[in-house]
PDB file of all heavy atoms in Angstrom:
ATOM      1  N   SER A   1     -67.441 -29.843 -96.008  1.00  0.00           N
ATOM      2  CA  SER A   1     -68.762 -29.261 -95.783  1.00  0.00           C
ATOM      3  C   SER A   1     -69.385 -29.914 -94.549  1.00  0.00           C
ATOM      4  O   SER A   1     -68.899 -30.925 -94.046  1.00  0.00           O
ATOM      5  CB  SER A   1     -69.668 -29.469 -97.001  1.00  0.00           C
ATOM      6  OG  SER A   1     -70.074 -30.832 -97.086  1.00  0.00           O
ATOM      7  N   PHE A   2     -70.491 -29.316 -94.088  1.00  0.00           N
ATOM      8  CA  PHE A   2     -71.197 -29.836 -92.916  1.00  0.00           C
ATOM      9  C   PHE A   2     -72.604 -30.300 -93.288  1.00  0.00           C
ATOM     10  O   PHE A   2     -73.542 -30.177 -92.509  1.00  0.00           O
ATOM     11  CB  PHE A   2     -71.248 -28.769 -91.819  1.00  0.00           C
ATOM     12  CG  PHE A   2     -69.888 -28.370 -91.327  1.00  0.00           C
ATOM     13  CD1 PHE A   2     -69.318 -27.161 -91.691  1.00  0.00           C
ATOM     14  CD2 PHE A   2     -69.160 -29.218 -90.513  1.00  0.00           C
ATOM     15  CE1 PHE A   2     -68.063 -26.789 -91.240  1.00  0.00           C
ATOM     16  CE2 PHE A   2     -67.890 -28.856 -90.059  1.00  0.00           C
ATOM     17  CZ  PHE A   2     -67.343 -27.649 -90.421  1.00  0.00           C
ATOM     18  N   GLU A   3     -72.715 -30.845 -94.503  1.00  0.00           N
ATOM     19  CA  GLU A   3     -74.012 -31.328 -94.980  1.00  0.00           C
ATOM     20  C   GLU A   3     -74.518 -32.513 -94.176  1.00  0.00           C
ATOM     21  O   GLU A   3     -75.694 -32.865 -94.258  1.00  0.00           O
ATOM     22  CB  GLU A   3     -73.924 -31.691 -96.461  1.00  0.00           C
ATOM     23  CG  GLU A   3     -73.616 -30.502 -97.366  1.00  0.00           C
ATOM     24  CD  GLU A   3     -73.485 -30.904 -98.821  1.00  0.00           C
ATOM     25  OE1 GLU A   3     -74.370 -31.633 -99.295  1.00  0.00           O
ATOM     26  OE2 GLU A   3     -72.510 -30.500 -99.468  1.00  0.00           O
ATOM     27  N   ASP A   4     -73.636 -33.143 -93.409  1.00  0.00           N
ATOM     28  CA  ASP A   4     -74.040 -34.281 -92.578  1.00  0.00           C
ATOM     29  C   ASP A   4     -74.557 -33.848 -91.212  1.00  0.00           C
ATOM     30  O   ASP A   4     -74.888 -34.685 -90.379  1.00  0.00           O
ATOM     31  CB  ASP A   4     -72.883 -35.260 -92.412  1.00  0.00           C
ATOM     32  CG  ASP A   4     -71.633 -34.614 -91.817  1.00  0.00           C
ATOM     33  OD1 ASP A   4     -71.538 -33.365 -91.837  1.00  0.00           O
ATOM     34  OD2 ASP A   4     -70.756 -35.356 -91.339  1.00  0.00           O
ATOM     35  N   SER A   5     -74.635 -32.520 -90.976  1.00  0.00           N
ATOM     36  CA  SER A   5     -75.131 -32.010 -89.694  1.00  0.00           C
ATOM     37  C   SER A   5     -76.558 -31.494 -89.858  1.00  0.00           C
ATOM     38  O   SER A   5     -76.772 -30.445 -90.467  1.00  0.00           O
ATOM     39  CB  SER A   5     -74.240 -30.874 -89.182  1.00  0.00           C
ATOM     40  OG  SER A   5     -74.865 -30.197 -88.108  1.00  0.00           O
ATOM     41  N   PRO A   6     -77.555 -32.205 -89.331  1.00  0.00           N
ATOM     42  CA  PRO A   6     -78.936 -31.739 -89.463  1.00  0.00           C
ATOM     43  C   PRO A   6     -79.151 -30.348 -88.875  1.00  0.00           C
ATOM     44  O   PRO A   6     -79.915 -29.547 -89.440  1.00  0.00           O
ATOM     45  CB  PRO A   6     -79.746 -32.799 -88.700  1.00  0.00           C
ATOM     46  CG  PRO A   6     -78.898 -34.033 -88.747  1.00  0.00           C
ATOM     47  CD  PRO A   6     -77.486 -33.534 -88.677  1.00  0.00           C
ATOM     48  N   PHE A   7     -78.488 -30.047 -87.758  1.00  0.00           N
ATOM     49  CA  PHE A   7     -78.681 -28.730 -87.139  1.00  0.00           C
ATOM     50  C   PHE A   7     -78.167 -27.624 -88.051  1.00  0.00           C
ATOM     51  O   PHE A   7     -78.843 -26.626 -88.296  1.00  0.00           O
ATOM     52  CB  PHE A   7     -77.980 -28.656 -85.788  1.00  0.00           C
ATOM     53  CG  PHE A   7     -78.095 -27.306 -85.138  1.00  0.00           C
ATOM     54  CD1 PHE A   7     -79.247 -26.935 -84.468  1.00  0.00           C
ATOM     55  CD2 PHE A   7     -77.061 -26.392 -85.223  1.00  0.00           C
ATOM     56  CE1 PHE A   7     -79.367 -25.678 -83.894  1.00  0.00           C
ATOM     57  CE2 PHE A   7     -77.165 -25.131 -84.653  1.00  0.00           C
ATOM     58  CZ  PHE A   7     -78.325 -24.777 -83.986  1.00  0.00           C
ATOM     59  N   ILE A   8     -76.947 -27.789 -88.577  1.00  0.00           N
ATOM     60  CA  ILE A   8     -76.382 -26.766 -89.453  1.00  0.00           C
ATOM     61  C   ILE A   8     -77.222 -26.625 -90.712  1.00  0.00           C
ATOM     62  O   ILE A   8     -77.465 -25.508 -91.202  1.00  0.00           O
ATOM     63  CB  ILE A   8     -74.909 -27.091 -89.782  1.00  0.00           C
ATOM     64  CG1 ILE A   8     -74.063 -26.875 -88.513  1.00  0.00           C
ATOM     65  CG2 ILE A   8     -74.381 -26.219 -90.925  1.00  0.00           C
ATOM     66  CD1 ILE A   8     -72.597 -27.242 -88.666  1.00  0.00           C
ATOM     67  N   MET A   9     -77.722 -27.725 -91.249  1.00  0.00           N
ATOM     68  CA  MET A   9     -78.570 -27.655 -92.446  1.00  0.00           C
ATOM     69  C   MET A   9     -79.907 -26.955 -92.143  1.00  0.00           C
ATOM     70  O   MET A   9     -80.457 -26.245 -92.993  1.00  0.00           O
ATOM     71  CB  MET A   9     -78.830 -29.054 -92.989  1.00  0.00           C
ATOM     72  CG  MET A   9     -77.612 -29.703 -93.644  1.00  0.00           C
ATOM     73  SD  MET A   9     -76.960 -28.786 -95.078  1.00  0.00           S
ATOM     74  CE  MET A   9     -75.597 -27.880 -94.305  1.00  0.00           C
ATOM     75  N   GLU A  10     -80.427 -27.128 -90.931  1.00  0.00           N
ATOM     76  CA  GLU A  10     -81.666 -26.430 -90.558  1.00  0.00           C
ATOM     77  C   GLU A  10     -81.439 -24.925 -90.476  1.00  0.00           C
ATOM     78  O   GLU A  10     -82.259 -24.128 -90.954  1.00  0.00           O
ATOM     79  CB  GLU A  10     -82.190 -26.957 -89.224  1.00  0.00           C
ATOM     80  CG  GLU A  10     -83.501 -26.306 -88.798  1.00  0.00           C
ATOM     81  CD  GLU A  10     -84.049 -26.873 -87.500  1.00  0.00           C
ATOM     82  OE1 GLU A  10     -83.618 -27.979 -87.091  1.00  0.00           O
ATOM     83  OE2 GLU A  10     -84.908 -26.206 -86.892  1.00  0.00           O
ATOM     84  N   VAL A  11     -80.319 -24.519 -89.869  1.00  0.00           N
ATOM     85  CA  VAL A  11     -79.994 -23.086 -89.802  1.00  0.00           C
ATOM     86  C   VAL A  11     -79.806 -22.524 -91.210  1.00  0.00           C
ATOM     87  O   VAL A  11     -80.285 -21.431 -91.531  1.00  0.00           O
ATOM     88  CB  VAL A  11     -78.743 -22.844 -88.947  1.00  0.00           C
ATOM     89  CG1 VAL A  11     -78.367 -21.366 -88.956  1.00  0.00           C
ATOM     90  CG2 VAL A  11     -78.964 -23.319 -87.513  1.00  0.00           C
ATOM     91  N   LEU A  12     -79.123 -23.265 -92.074  1.00  0.00           N
ATOM     92  CA  LEU A  12     -78.919 -22.819 -93.452  1.00  0.00           C
ATOM     93  C   LEU A  12     -80.251 -22.660 -94.176  1.00  0.00           C
ATOM     94  O   LEU A  12     -80.438 -21.703 -94.947  1.00  0.00           O
ATOM     95  CB  LEU A  12     -78.026 -23.818 -94.192  1.00  0.00           C
ATOM     96  CG  LEU A  12     -77.789 -23.528 -95.679  1.00  0.00           C
ATOM     97  CD1 LEU A  12     -77.138 -22.173 -95.885  1.00  0.00           C
ATOM     98  CD2 LEU A  12     -76.931 -24.638 -96.306  1.00  0.00           C
ATOM     99  N   THR A  13     -81.180 -23.561 -93.938  1.00  0.00           N
ATOM    100  CA  THR A  13     -82.500 -23.467 -94.565  1.00  0.00           C
ATOM    101  C   THR A  13     -83.188 -22.165 -94.184  1.00  0.00           C
ATOM    102  O   THR A  13     -83.791 -21.490 -95.034  1.00  0.00           O
ATOM    103  CB  THR A  13     -83.372 -24.668 -94.149  1.00  0.00           C
ATOM    104  OG1 THR A  13     -82.741 -25.880 -94.600  1.00  0.00           O
ATOM    105  CG2 THR A  13     -84.767 -24.579 -94.749  1.00  0.00           C
ATOM    106  N   GLU A  14     -83.083 -21.776 -92.917  1.00  0.00           N
ATOM    107  CA  GLU A  14     -83.677 -20.523 -92.478  1.00  0.00           C
ATOM    108  C   GLU A  14     -82.986 -19.330 -93.139  1.00  0.00           C
ATOM    109  O   GLU A  14     -83.637 -18.364 -93.544  1.00  0.00           O
ATOM    110  CB  GLU A  14     -83.590 -20.395 -90.952  1.00  0.00           C
ATOM    111  CG  GLU A  14     -84.293 -19.147 -90.418  1.00  0.00           C
ATOM    112  CD  GLU A  14     -84.251 -19.061 -88.900  1.00  0.00           C
ATOM    113  OE1 GLU A  14     -83.533 -19.844 -88.267  1.00  0.00           O
ATOM    114  OE2 GLU A  14     -84.946 -18.176 -88.353  1.00  0.00           O
ATOM    115  N   LEU A  15     -81.676 -19.397 -93.278  1.00  0.00           N
ATOM    116  CA  LEU A  15     -80.951 -18.306 -93.922  1.00  0.00           C
ATOM    117  C   LEU A  15     -81.326 -18.175 -95.398  1.00  0.00           C
ATOM    118  O   LEU A  15     -81.387 -17.066 -95.935  1.00  0.00           O
ATOM    119  CB  LEU A  15     -79.443 -18.520 -93.797  1.00  0.00           C
ATOM    120  CG  LEU A  15     -78.842 -18.429 -92.394  1.00  0.00           C
ATOM    121  CD1 LEU A  15     -77.355 -18.728 -92.440  1.00  0.00           C
ATOM    122  CD2 LEU A  15     -79.082 -17.066 -91.772  1.00  0.00           C
ATOM    123  N   ARG A  16     -81.572 -19.269 -96.057  1.00  0.00           N
ATOM    124  CA  ARG A  16     -81.944 -19.232 -97.481  1.00  0.00           C
ATOM    125  C   ARG A  16     -83.311 -18.588 -97.695  1.00  0.00           C
ATOM    126  O   ARG A  16     -83.544 -17.954 -98.729  1.00  0.00           O
ATOM    127  CB  ARG A  16     -81.982 -20.646 -98.056  1.00  0.00           C
ATOM    128  CG  ARG A  16     -80.623 -21.319 -98.259  1.00  0.00           C
ATOM    129  CD  ARG A  16     -80.834 -22.514 -99.171  1.00  0.00           C
ATOM    130  NE  ARG A  16     -79.745 -23.454 -99.226  1.00  0.00           N
ATOM    131  CZ  ARG A  16     -78.711 -23.377-100.065  1.00  0.00           C
ATOM    132  NH1 ARG A  16     -78.580 -22.318-100.855  1.00  0.00           N
ATOM    133  NH2 ARG A  16     -77.794 -24.342-100.092  1.00  0.00           N
ATOM    134  N   ASP A  17     -84.218 -18.764 -96.746  1.00  0.00           N
ATOM    135  CA  ASP A  17     -85.604 -18.305 -96.893  1.00  0.00           C
ATOM    136  C   ASP A  17     -85.649 -16.796 -97.077  1.00  0.00           C
ATOM    137  O   ASP A  17     -85.182 -16.035 -96.224  1.00  0.00           O
ATOM    138  CB  ASP A  17     -86.396 -18.717 -95.647  1.00  0.00           C
ATOM    139  CG  ASP A  17     -87.902 -18.506 -95.799  1.00  0.00           C
ATOM    140  OD1 ASP A  17     -88.324 -17.693 -96.652  1.00  0.00           O
ATOM    141  OD2 ASP A  17     -88.654 -19.151 -95.048  1.00  0.00           O
ATOM    142  N   LYS A  18     -86.238 -16.338 -98.175  1.00  0.00           N
ATOM    143  CA  LYS A  18     -86.297 -14.903 -98.464  1.00  0.00           C
ATOM    144  C   LYS A  18     -87.136 -14.142 -97.450  1.00  0.00           C
ATOM    145  O   LYS A  18     -87.039 -12.910 -97.352  1.00  0.00           O
ATOM    146  CB  LYS A  18     -86.849 -14.665 -99.871  1.00  0.00           C
ATOM    147  CG  LYS A  18     -88.309 -15.048-100.058  1.00  0.00           C
ATOM    148  CD  LYS A  18     -88.770 -14.734-101.476  1.00  0.00           C
ATOM    149  CE  LYS A  18     -90.247 -15.033-101.655  1.00  0.00           C
ATOM    150  NZ  LYS A  18     -90.704 -14.723-103.030  1.00  0.00           N
ATOM    151  N   ASN A  19     -87.970 -14.840 -96.675  1.00  0.00           N
ATOM    152  CA  ASN A  19     -88.816 -14.186 -95.676  1.00  0.00           C
ATOM    153  C   ASN A  19     -88.131 -14.039 -94.317  1.00  0.00           C
ATOM    154  O   ASN A  19     -88.715 -13.450 -93.397  1.00  0.00           O
ATOM    155  CB  ASN A  19     -90.127 -14.969 -95.509  1.00  0.00           C
ATOM    156  CG  ASN A  19     -90.961 -14.953 -96.782  1.00  0.00           C
ATOM    157  OD1 ASN A  19     -91.149 -13.905 -97.404  1.00  0.00           O
ATOM    158  ND2 ASN A  19     -91.457 -16.115 -97.183  1.00  0.00           N
ATOM    159  N   THR A  20     -86.923 -14.574 -94.164  1.00  0.00           N
ATOM    160  CA  THR A  20     -86.181 -14.420 -92.911  1.00  0.00           C
ATOM    161  C   THR A  20     -85.713 -12.976 -92.777  1.00  0.00           C
ATOM    162  O   THR A  20     -85.041 -12.454 -93.673  1.00  0.00           O
ATOM    163  CB  THR A  20     -84.973 -15.373 -92.882  1.00  0.00           C
ATOM    164  OG1 THR A  20     -85.453 -16.722 -92.941  1.00  0.00           O
ATOM    165  CG2 THR A  20     -84.158 -15.188 -91.616  1.00  0.00           C
ATOM    166  N   ASP A  21     -86.082 -12.316 -91.666  1.00  0.00           N
ATOM    167  CA  ASP A  21     -85.721 -10.901 -91.513  1.00  0.00           C
ATOM    168  C   ASP A  21     -84.271 -10.745 -91.055  1.00  0.00           C
ATOM    169  O   ASP A  21     -83.581 -11.725 -90.764  1.00  0.00           O
ATOM    170  CB  ASP A  21     -86.689 -10.184 -90.555  1.00  0.00           C
ATOM    171  CG  ASP A  21     -86.646 -10.727 -89.131  1.00  0.00           C
ATOM    172  OD1 ASP A  21     -85.627 -11.339 -88.737  1.00  0.00           O
ATOM    173  OD2 ASP A  21     -87.638 -10.531 -88.399  1.00  0.00           O
ATOM    174  N   SER A  22     -83.809  -9.494 -90.979  1.00  0.00           N
ATOM    175  CA  SER A  22     -82.406  -9.219 -90.682  1.00  0.00           C
ATOM    176  C   SER A  22     -81.983  -9.733 -89.310  1.00  0.00           C
ATOM    177  O   SER A  22     -80.873 -10.248 -89.146  1.00  0.00           O
ATOM    178  CB  SER A  22     -82.123  -7.720 -90.779  1.00  0.00           C
ATOM    179  OG  SER A  22     -82.233  -7.273 -92.107  1.00  0.00           O
ATOM    180  N   ILE A  23     -82.860  -9.580 -88.316  1.00  0.00           N
ATOM    181  CA  ILE A  23     -82.510 -10.024 -86.963  1.00  0.00           C
ATOM    182  C   ILE A  23     -82.290 -11.534 -86.939  1.00  0.00           C
ATOM    183  O   ILE A  23     -81.288 -12.030 -86.418  1.00  0.00           O
ATOM    184  CB  ILE A  23     -83.597  -9.613 -85.957  1.00  0.00           C
ATOM    185  CG1 ILE A  23     -83.665  -8.085 -85.844  1.00  0.00           C
ATOM    186  CG2 ILE A  23     -83.337 -10.242 -84.589  1.00  0.00           C
ATOM    187  CD1 ILE A  23     -84.821  -7.583 -85.016  1.00  0.00           C
ATOM    188  N   ALA A  24     -83.235 -12.278 -87.519  1.00  0.00           N
ATOM    189  CA  ALA A  24     -83.112 -13.735 -87.546  1.00  0.00           C
ATOM    190  C   ALA A  24     -81.932 -14.171 -88.405  1.00  0.00           C
ATOM    191  O   ALA A  24     -81.256 -15.158 -88.100  1.00  0.00           O
ATOM    192  CB  ALA A  24     -84.408 -14.359 -88.071  1.00  0.00           C
ATOM    193  N   PHE A  25     -81.665 -13.417 -89.469  1.00  0.00           N
ATOM    194  CA  PHE A  25     -80.535 -13.745 -90.341  1.00  0.00           C
ATOM    195  C   PHE A  25     -79.212 -13.591 -89.590  1.00  0.00           C
ATOM    196  O   PHE A  25     -78.355 -14.471 -89.647  1.00  0.00           O
ATOM    197  CB  PHE A  25     -80.561 -12.848 -91.578  1.00  0.00           C
ATOM    198  CG  PHE A  25     -79.654 -13.311 -92.686  1.00  0.00           C
ATOM    199  CD1 PHE A  25     -80.120 -14.166 -93.670  1.00  0.00           C
ATOM    200  CD2 PHE A  25     -78.336 -12.892 -92.740  1.00  0.00           C
ATOM    201  CE1 PHE A  25     -79.288 -14.601 -94.693  1.00  0.00           C
ATOM    202  CE2 PHE A  25     -77.486 -13.317 -93.751  1.00  0.00           C
ATOM    203  CZ  PHE A  25     -77.966 -14.174 -94.735  1.00  0.00           C
ATOM    204  N   ARG A  26     -79.070 -12.473 -88.877  1.00  0.00           N
ATOM    205  CA  ARG A  26     -77.840 -12.267 -88.095  1.00  0.00           C
ATOM    206  C   ARG A  26     -77.676 -13.352 -87.046  1.00  0.00           C
ATOM    207  O   ARG A  26     -76.581 -13.887 -86.838  1.00  0.00           O
ATOM    208  CB  ARG A  26     -77.855 -10.886 -87.419  1.00  0.00           C
ATOM    209  CG  ARG A  26     -77.628  -9.734 -88.356  1.00  0.00           C
ATOM    210  CD  ARG A  26     -77.251  -8.475 -87.591  1.00  0.00           C
ATOM    211  NE  ARG A  26     -78.270  -8.058 -86.644  1.00  0.00           N
ATOM    212  CZ  ARG A  26     -79.289  -7.263 -86.930  1.00  0.00           C
ATOM    213  NH1 ARG A  26     -79.454  -6.807 -88.159  1.00  0.00           N
ATOM    214  NH2 ARG A  26     -80.153  -6.918 -86.000  1.00  0.00           N
ATOM    215  N   LYS A  27     -78.758 -13.684 -86.351  1.00  0.00           N
ATOM    216  CA  LYS A  27     -78.686 -14.727 -85.324  1.00  0.00           C
ATOM    217  C   LYS A  27     -78.297 -16.069 -85.935  1.00  0.00           C
ATOM    218  O   LYS A  27     -77.562 -16.856 -85.327  1.00  0.00           O
ATOM    219  CB  LYS A  27     -80.026 -14.841 -84.594  1.00  0.00           C
ATOM    220  CG  LYS A  27     -80.314 -13.670 -83.650  1.00  0.00           C
ATOM    221  CD  LYS A  27     -81.644 -13.875 -82.926  1.00  0.00           C
ATOM    222  CE  LYS A  27     -81.894 -12.750 -81.926  1.00  0.00           C
ATOM    223  NZ  LYS A  27     -83.188 -12.916 -81.208  1.00  0.00           N
ATOM    224  N   GLY A  28     -78.790 -16.322 -87.149  1.00  0.00           N
ATOM    225  CA  GLY A  28     -78.434 -17.558 -87.833  1.00  0.00           C
ATOM    226  C   GLY A  28     -76.951 -17.627 -88.151  1.00  0.00           C
ATOM    227  O   GLY A  28     -76.311 -18.675 -87.984  1.00  0.00           O
ATOM    228  N   LEU A  29     -76.372 -16.509 -88.584  1.00  0.00           N
ATOM    229  CA  LEU A  29     -74.935 -16.481 -88.850  1.00  0.00           C
ATOM    230  C   LEU A  29     -74.125 -16.698 -87.575  1.00  0.00           C
ATOM    231  O   LEU A  29     -73.090 -17.380 -87.591  1.00  0.00           O
ATOM    232  CB  LEU A  29     -74.541 -15.153 -89.507  1.00  0.00           C
ATOM    233  CG  LEU A  29     -74.986 -14.921 -90.952  1.00  0.00           C
ATOM    234  CD1 LEU A  29     -74.538 -13.544 -91.426  1.00  0.00           C
ATOM    235  CD2 LEU A  29     -74.444 -15.999 -91.874  1.00  0.00           C
ATOM    236  N   VAL A  30     -74.593 -16.119 -86.464  1.00  0.00           N
ATOM    237  CA  VAL A  30     -73.906 -16.334 -85.183  1.00  0.00           C
ATOM    238  C   VAL A  30     -73.940 -17.821 -84.814  1.00  0.00           C
ATOM    239  O   VAL A  30     -72.928 -18.407 -84.406  1.00  0.00           O
ATOM    240  CB  VAL A  30     -74.537 -15.485 -84.063  1.00  0.00           C
ATOM    241  CG1 VAL A  30     -73.918 -15.836 -82.713  1.00  0.00           C
ATOM    242  CG2 VAL A  30     -74.362 -13.998 -84.339  1.00  0.00           C
ATOM    243  N   LYS A  31     -75.100 -18.442 -84.976  1.00  0.00           N
ATOM    244  CA  LYS A  31     -75.229 -19.882 -84.682  1.00  0.00           C
ATOM    245  C   LYS A  31     -74.248 -20.695 -85.522  1.00  0.00           C
ATOM    246  O   LYS A  31     -73.566 -21.591 -85.014  1.00  0.00           O
ATOM    247  CB  LYS A  31     -76.649 -20.365 -84.972  1.00  0.00           C
ATOM    248  CG  LYS A  31     -77.701 -19.927 -83.987  1.00  0.00           C
ATOM    249  CD  LYS A  31     -79.059 -20.459 -84.434  1.00  0.00           C
ATOM    250  CE  LYS A  31     -80.195 -19.908 -83.600  1.00  0.00           C
ATOM    251  NZ  LYS A  31     -81.513 -20.364 -84.119  1.00  0.00           N
ATOM    252  N   LEU A  32     -74.196 -20.389 -86.818  1.00  0.00           N
ATOM    253  CA  LEU A  32     -73.307 -21.155 -87.686  1.00  0.00           C
ATOM    254  C   LEU A  32     -71.846 -20.954 -87.289  1.00  0.00           C
ATOM    255  O   LEU A  32     -71.067 -21.914 -87.281  1.00  0.00           O
ATOM    256  CB  LEU A  32     -73.511 -20.753 -89.151  1.00  0.00           C
ATOM    257  CG  LEU A  32     -74.771 -21.274 -89.825  1.00  0.00           C
ATOM    258  CD1 LEU A  32     -74.761 -20.922 -91.305  1.00  0.00           C
ATOM    259  CD2 LEU A  32     -74.916 -22.788 -89.671  1.00  0.00           C
ATOM    260  N   GLY A  33     -71.466 -19.717 -86.966  1.00  0.00           N
ATOM    261  CA  GLY A  33     -70.096 -19.474 -86.524  1.00  0.00           C
ATOM    262  C   GLY A  33     -69.751 -20.303 -85.300  1.00  0.00           C
ATOM    263  O   GLY A  33     -68.667 -20.905 -85.220  1.00  0.00           O
ATOM    264  N   ARG A  34     -70.683 -20.348 -84.371  1.00  0.00           N
ATOM    265  CA  ARG A  34     -70.430 -21.080 -83.120  1.00  0.00           C
ATOM    266  C   ARG A  34     -70.329 -22.588 -83.364  1.00  0.00           C
ATOM    267  O   ARG A  34     -69.367 -23.233 -82.930  1.00  0.00           O
ATOM    268  CB  ARG A  34     -71.542 -20.781 -82.122  1.00  0.00           C
ATOM    269  CG  ARG A  34     -71.295 -21.350 -80.739  1.00  0.00           C
ATOM    270  CD  ARG A  34     -72.300 -20.793 -79.751  1.00  0.00           C
ATOM    271  NE  ARG A  34     -71.939 -21.101 -78.375  1.00  0.00           N
ATOM    272  CZ  ARG A  34     -72.476 -20.511 -77.314  1.00  0.00           C
ATOM    273  NH1 ARG A  34     -73.378 -19.565 -77.477  1.00  0.00           N
ATOM    274  NH2 ARG A  34     -72.108 -20.844 -76.099  1.00  0.00           N
ATOM    275  N   TYR A  35     -71.302 -23.151 -84.071  1.00  0.00           N
ATOM    276  CA  TYR A  35     -71.315 -24.604 -84.227  1.00  0.00           C
ATOM    277  C   TYR A  35     -70.267 -25.093 -85.219  1.00  0.00           C
ATOM    278  O   TYR A  35     -69.704 -26.180 -85.050  1.00  0.00           O
ATOM    279  CB  TYR A  35     -72.716 -25.075 -84.599  1.00  0.00           C
ATOM    280  CG  TYR A  35     -73.623 -25.064 -83.388  1.00  0.00           C
ATOM    281  CD1 TYR A  35     -74.408 -23.960 -83.090  1.00  0.00           C
ATOM    282  CD2 TYR A  35     -73.641 -26.142 -82.504  1.00  0.00           C
ATOM    283  CE1 TYR A  35     -75.205 -23.921 -81.954  1.00  0.00           C
ATOM    284  CE2 TYR A  35     -74.430 -26.114 -81.367  1.00  0.00           C
ATOM    285  CZ  TYR A  35     -75.209 -25.004 -81.093  1.00  0.00           C
ATOM    286  OH  TYR A  35     -75.985 -24.965 -79.962  1.00  0.00           O
ATOM    287  N   MET A  36     -69.960 -24.293 -86.238  1.00  0.00           N
ATOM    288  CA  MET A  36     -68.870 -24.662 -87.131  1.00  0.00           C
ATOM    289  C   MET A  36     -67.529 -24.544 -86.402  1.00  0.00           C
ATOM    290  O   MET A  36     -66.600 -25.305 -86.667  1.00  0.00           O
ATOM    291  CB  MET A  36     -68.910 -23.802 -88.396  1.00  0.00           C
ATOM    292  CG  MET A  36     -70.115 -24.139 -89.282  1.00  0.00           C
ATOM    293  SD  MET A  36     -70.378 -22.971 -90.639  1.00  0.00           S
ATOM    294  CE  MET A  36     -69.084 -23.454 -91.757  1.00  0.00           C
ATOM    295  N   GLY A  37     -67.448 -23.603 -85.470  1.00  0.00           N
ATOM    296  CA  GLY A  37     -66.257 -23.499 -84.633  1.00  0.00           C
ATOM    297  C   GLY A  37     -66.060 -24.744 -83.787  1.00  0.00           C
ATOM    298  O   GLY A  37     -64.935 -25.254 -83.653  1.00  0.00           O
ATOM    299  N   TYR A  38     -67.152 -25.255 -83.214  1.00  0.00           N
ATOM    300  CA  TYR A  38     -67.058 -26.508 -82.451  1.00  0.00           C
ATOM    301  C   TYR A  38     -66.518 -27.628 -83.337  1.00  0.00           C
ATOM    302  O   TYR A  38     -65.666 -28.422 -82.920  1.00  0.00           O
ATOM    303  CB  TYR A  38     -68.438 -26.925 -81.929  1.00  0.00           C
ATOM    304  CG  TYR A  38     -68.995 -26.075 -80.810  1.00  0.00           C
ATOM    305  CD1 TYR A  38     -70.376 -25.874 -80.689  1.00  0.00           C
ATOM    306  CD2 TYR A  38     -68.168 -25.489 -79.872  1.00  0.00           C
ATOM    307  CE1 TYR A  38     -70.899 -25.099 -79.669  1.00  0.00           C
ATOM    308  CE2 TYR A  38     -68.687 -24.714 -78.847  1.00  0.00           C
ATOM    309  CZ  TYR A  38     -70.058 -24.524 -78.758  1.00  0.00           C
ATOM    310  OH  TYR A  38     -70.569 -23.755 -77.739  1.00  0.00           O
ATOM    311  N   GLU A  39     -67.032 -27.704 -84.567  1.00  0.00           N
ATOM    312  CA  GLU A  39     -66.594 -28.753 -85.481  1.00  0.00           C
ATOM    313  C   GLU A  39     -65.109 -28.600 -85.822  1.00  0.00           C
ATOM    314  O   GLU A  39     -64.386 -29.593 -85.965  1.00  0.00           O
ATOM    315  CB  GLU A  39     -67.437 -28.724 -86.761  1.00  0.00           C
ATOM    316  CG  GLU A  39     -68.881 -29.148 -86.574  1.00  0.00           C
ATOM    317  CD  GLU A  39     -69.009 -30.621 -86.230  1.00  0.00           C
ATOM    318  OE1 GLU A  39     -68.278 -31.446 -86.813  1.00  0.00           O
ATOM    319  OE2 GLU A  39     -69.821 -30.959 -85.350  1.00  0.00           O
ATOM    320  N   LEU A  40     -64.652 -27.361 -85.962  1.00  0.00           N
ATOM    321  CA  LEU A  40     -63.243 -27.130 -86.283  1.00  0.00           C
ATOM    322  C   LEU A  40     -62.311 -27.674 -85.199  1.00  0.00           C
ATOM    323  O   LEU A  40     -61.194 -28.111 -85.498  1.00  0.00           O
ATOM    324  CB  LEU A  40     -62.976 -25.635 -86.463  1.00  0.00           C
ATOM    325  CG  LEU A  40     -63.238 -25.019 -87.831  1.00  0.00           C
ATOM    326  CD1 LEU A  40     -62.838 -23.551 -87.818  1.00  0.00           C
ATOM    327  CD2 LEU A  40     -62.476 -25.759 -88.915  1.00  0.00           C
ATOM    328  N   THR A  41     -62.752 -27.634 -83.939  1.00  0.00           N
ATOM    329  CA  THR A  41     -61.883 -28.124 -82.863  1.00  0.00           C
ATOM    330  C   THR A  41     -61.567 -29.614 -83.027  1.00  0.00           C
ATOM    331  O   THR A  41     -60.555 -30.094 -82.509  1.00  0.00           O
ATOM    332  CB  THR A  41     -62.498 -27.893 -81.465  1.00  0.00           C
ATOM    333  OG1 THR A  41     -63.706 -28.650 -81.337  1.00  0.00           O
ATOM    334  CG2 THR A  41     -62.784 -26.415 -81.239  1.00  0.00           C
TER     335      THR A  41
END
Protein backbone atom coordinates (compact mmCIF):
# COMPACT_ATOMS: atom_id res chain seq x y z
CA SER A 1 0.00 0.00 0.00
CA PHE A 2 0.98 3.67 -0.26
CA GLU A 3 -0.32 4.75 3.14
CA ASP A 4 3.11 6.24 3.84
CA SER A 5 2.65 8.78 1.01
CA PRO A 6 0.97 11.98 2.25
CA PHE A 7 0.24 13.10 -1.33
CA ILE A 8 -1.47 9.84 -2.31
CA MET A 9 -3.45 9.86 0.95
CA GLU A 10 -4.58 13.45 0.26
CA VAL A 11 -5.81 12.49 -3.22
CA LEU A 12 -7.59 9.46 -1.73
CA THR A 13 -9.28 11.70 0.83
CA GLU A 14 -10.70 13.83 -1.97
CA LEU A 15 -11.92 10.74 -3.81
CA ARG A 16 -13.69 9.45 -0.69
CA ASP A 17 -15.58 12.74 -0.19
CA LYS A 18 -19.17 12.31 -1.39
CA ASN A 19 -19.18 15.98 -2.48
CA THR A 20 -16.34 15.49 -5.00
CA ASP A 21 -17.86 15.88 -8.47
CA SER A 22 -17.17 13.67 -11.50
CA ILE A 23 -14.56 15.96 -13.04
CA ALA A 24 -12.51 16.17 -9.84
CA PHE A 25 -12.97 12.44 -9.27
CA ARG A 26 -11.61 11.57 -12.72
CA LYS A 27 -8.67 13.93 -12.24
CA GLY A 28 -7.96 12.29 -8.90
CA LEU A 29 -7.81 8.85 -10.50
CA VAL A 30 -5.41 10.18 -13.15
CA LYS A 31 -3.18 11.61 -10.40
CA LEU A 32 -3.14 8.31 -8.55
CA GLY A 33 -2.31 6.37 -11.72
CA ARG A 34 0.59 8.68 -12.42
CA TYR A 35 2.09 8.80 -8.94
CA MET A 36 1.55 5.12 -8.21
CA GLY A 37 3.24 4.46 -11.55
CA TYR A 38 6.26 6.45 -10.37
CA GLU A 39 6.35 4.33 -7.22
CA LEU A 40 6.17 1.12 -9.27
CA THR A 41 9.38 2.06 -11.11
